[in-house]
Protein backbone atom coordinates (compact mmCIF):
# COMPACT_ATOMS: atom_id res chain seq x y z
CA UNK A 1 0.92 9.61 -12.29
CA UNK A 2 -1.82 10.08 -14.86
CA UNK A 3 -5.34 11.21 -13.87
CA UNK A 4 -8.48 10.23 -15.75
CA UNK A 5 -12.16 10.88 -15.16
CA UNK A 6 -14.29 7.87 -14.28
CA UNK A 7 -16.41 8.15 -17.42
CA UNK A 8 -13.25 8.15 -19.57
CA UNK A 9 -11.78 5.24 -17.60
CA UNK A 10 -14.94 3.23 -18.31
CA UNK A 11 -14.69 3.98 -22.01
CA UNK A 12 -11.00 3.06 -22.22
CA UNK A 13 -10.68 0.50 -19.42
CA UNK A 14 -8.59 -1.94 -21.46
CA UNK A 15 -6.02 0.76 -22.26
CA UNK A 16 -5.94 1.99 -18.64
CA UNK A 17 -5.33 -1.57 -17.43
CA UNK A 18 -2.56 -2.04 -20.04
CA UNK A 19 -0.88 1.12 -18.76
CA UNK A 20 -1.09 -0.11 -15.15
CA UNK A 21 0.44 -3.44 -16.14
CA UNK A 22 3.22 -1.52 -17.90
CA UNK A 23 3.99 0.24 -14.62
CA UNK A 24 2.01 3.45 -14.97
CA UNK A 25 -0.67 3.73 -12.26
CA UNK A 26 -3.70 5.89 -13.00
CA UNK A 27 -5.69 8.05 -10.60
CA UNK A 28 -9.42 7.85 -11.30
CA UNK A 29 -11.41 10.96 -10.46
CA UNK A 30 -15.15 11.51 -10.07
CA UNK A 31 -16.57 15.03 -10.09
CA UNK A 32 -13.02 16.39 -9.80
CA UNK A 33 -12.18 14.38 -6.65
CA UNK A 34 -9.56 11.64 -6.56
CA UNK A 35 -11.50 8.44 -5.84
CA UNK A 36 -9.29 5.47 -6.76
CA UNK A 37 -5.95 4.37 -8.17
CA UNK A 38 -5.57 1.61 -10.73
CA UNK A 39 -2.28 -0.26 -10.34
CA UNK A 40 -1.03 -3.60 -11.63
CA UNK A 41 -1.79 -6.66 -9.56
CA UNK A 42 1.93 -7.20 -9.03
CA UNK A 43 2.38 -3.70 -7.63
CA UNK A 44 -0.70 -4.06 -5.43
CA UNK A 45 0.67 -7.32 -3.98
CA UNK A 46 3.97 -5.60 -3.19
CA UNK A 47 2.43 -2.69 -1.31
CA UNK A 48 -0.37 -4.63 0.39
CA UNK A 49 1.89 -7.13 2.15
CA UNK A 50 3.02 -5.25 5.21
CA UNK A 51 5.11 -7.44 7.49
CA UNK A 52 3.89 -7.80 11.04
CA UNK A 53 6.03 -6.58 13.94
CA UNK A 54 7.23 -10.09 14.85
CA UNK A 55 8.53 -10.65 11.30
CA UNK A 56 10.37 -7.34 11.43
CA UNK A 57 11.99 -8.29 14.73
CA UNK A 58 12.98 -11.70 13.39
CA UNK A 59 14.53 -10.06 10.33
CA UNK A 60 16.80 -7.85 12.50
CA UNK A 61 20.25 -8.28 10.93
CA UNK A 62 22.22 -7.47 14.06
CA UNK A 63 23.37 -9.61 16.94
CA UNK A 64 21.68 -9.78 20.35
CA UNK A 65 24.64 -7.82 21.72
CA UNK A 66 23.56 -4.89 19.51
CA UNK A 67 20.32 -4.47 21.47
CA UNK A 68 20.74 -2.20 24.52
CA UNK A 69 19.71 -3.42 27.95
CA UNK A 70 16.18 -2.51 28.98
CA UNK A 71 15.97 0.00 31.79
CA UNK A 72 13.95 -1.15 34.81
CA UNK A 73 13.63 2.45 36.01
CA UNK A 74 10.04 3.79 35.78
CA UNK A 75 9.49 6.15 32.86
CA UNK A 76 7.96 8.73 35.20
CA UNK A 77 7.46 9.22 38.89
CA UNK A 78 4.15 8.00 40.35
CA UNK A 79 1.98 10.53 42.14
CA UNK A 80 1.18 10.21 45.84
CA UNK A 81 -2.08 8.32 45.23
CA UNK A 82 -0.31 5.81 42.95
CA UNK A 83 -1.88 7.00 39.68
């Protein structure tokens, strides 16, 4: 991944955007520190859409028989005062 200073990114923004659209993200630095990453909108959409847990469960490719039975046994013993 290419790195570019903020002042240079400002001066060549069109070219930096063209590179991102072509699939080459660019790290933008300020005072030597990595501050931002410029990626294409398509790539940003792909990585920003994280499925929620319910969608992941619904997408489970197996059968209900593949899921083990839930244990009703307590995970740990309770102390004498119940805490």
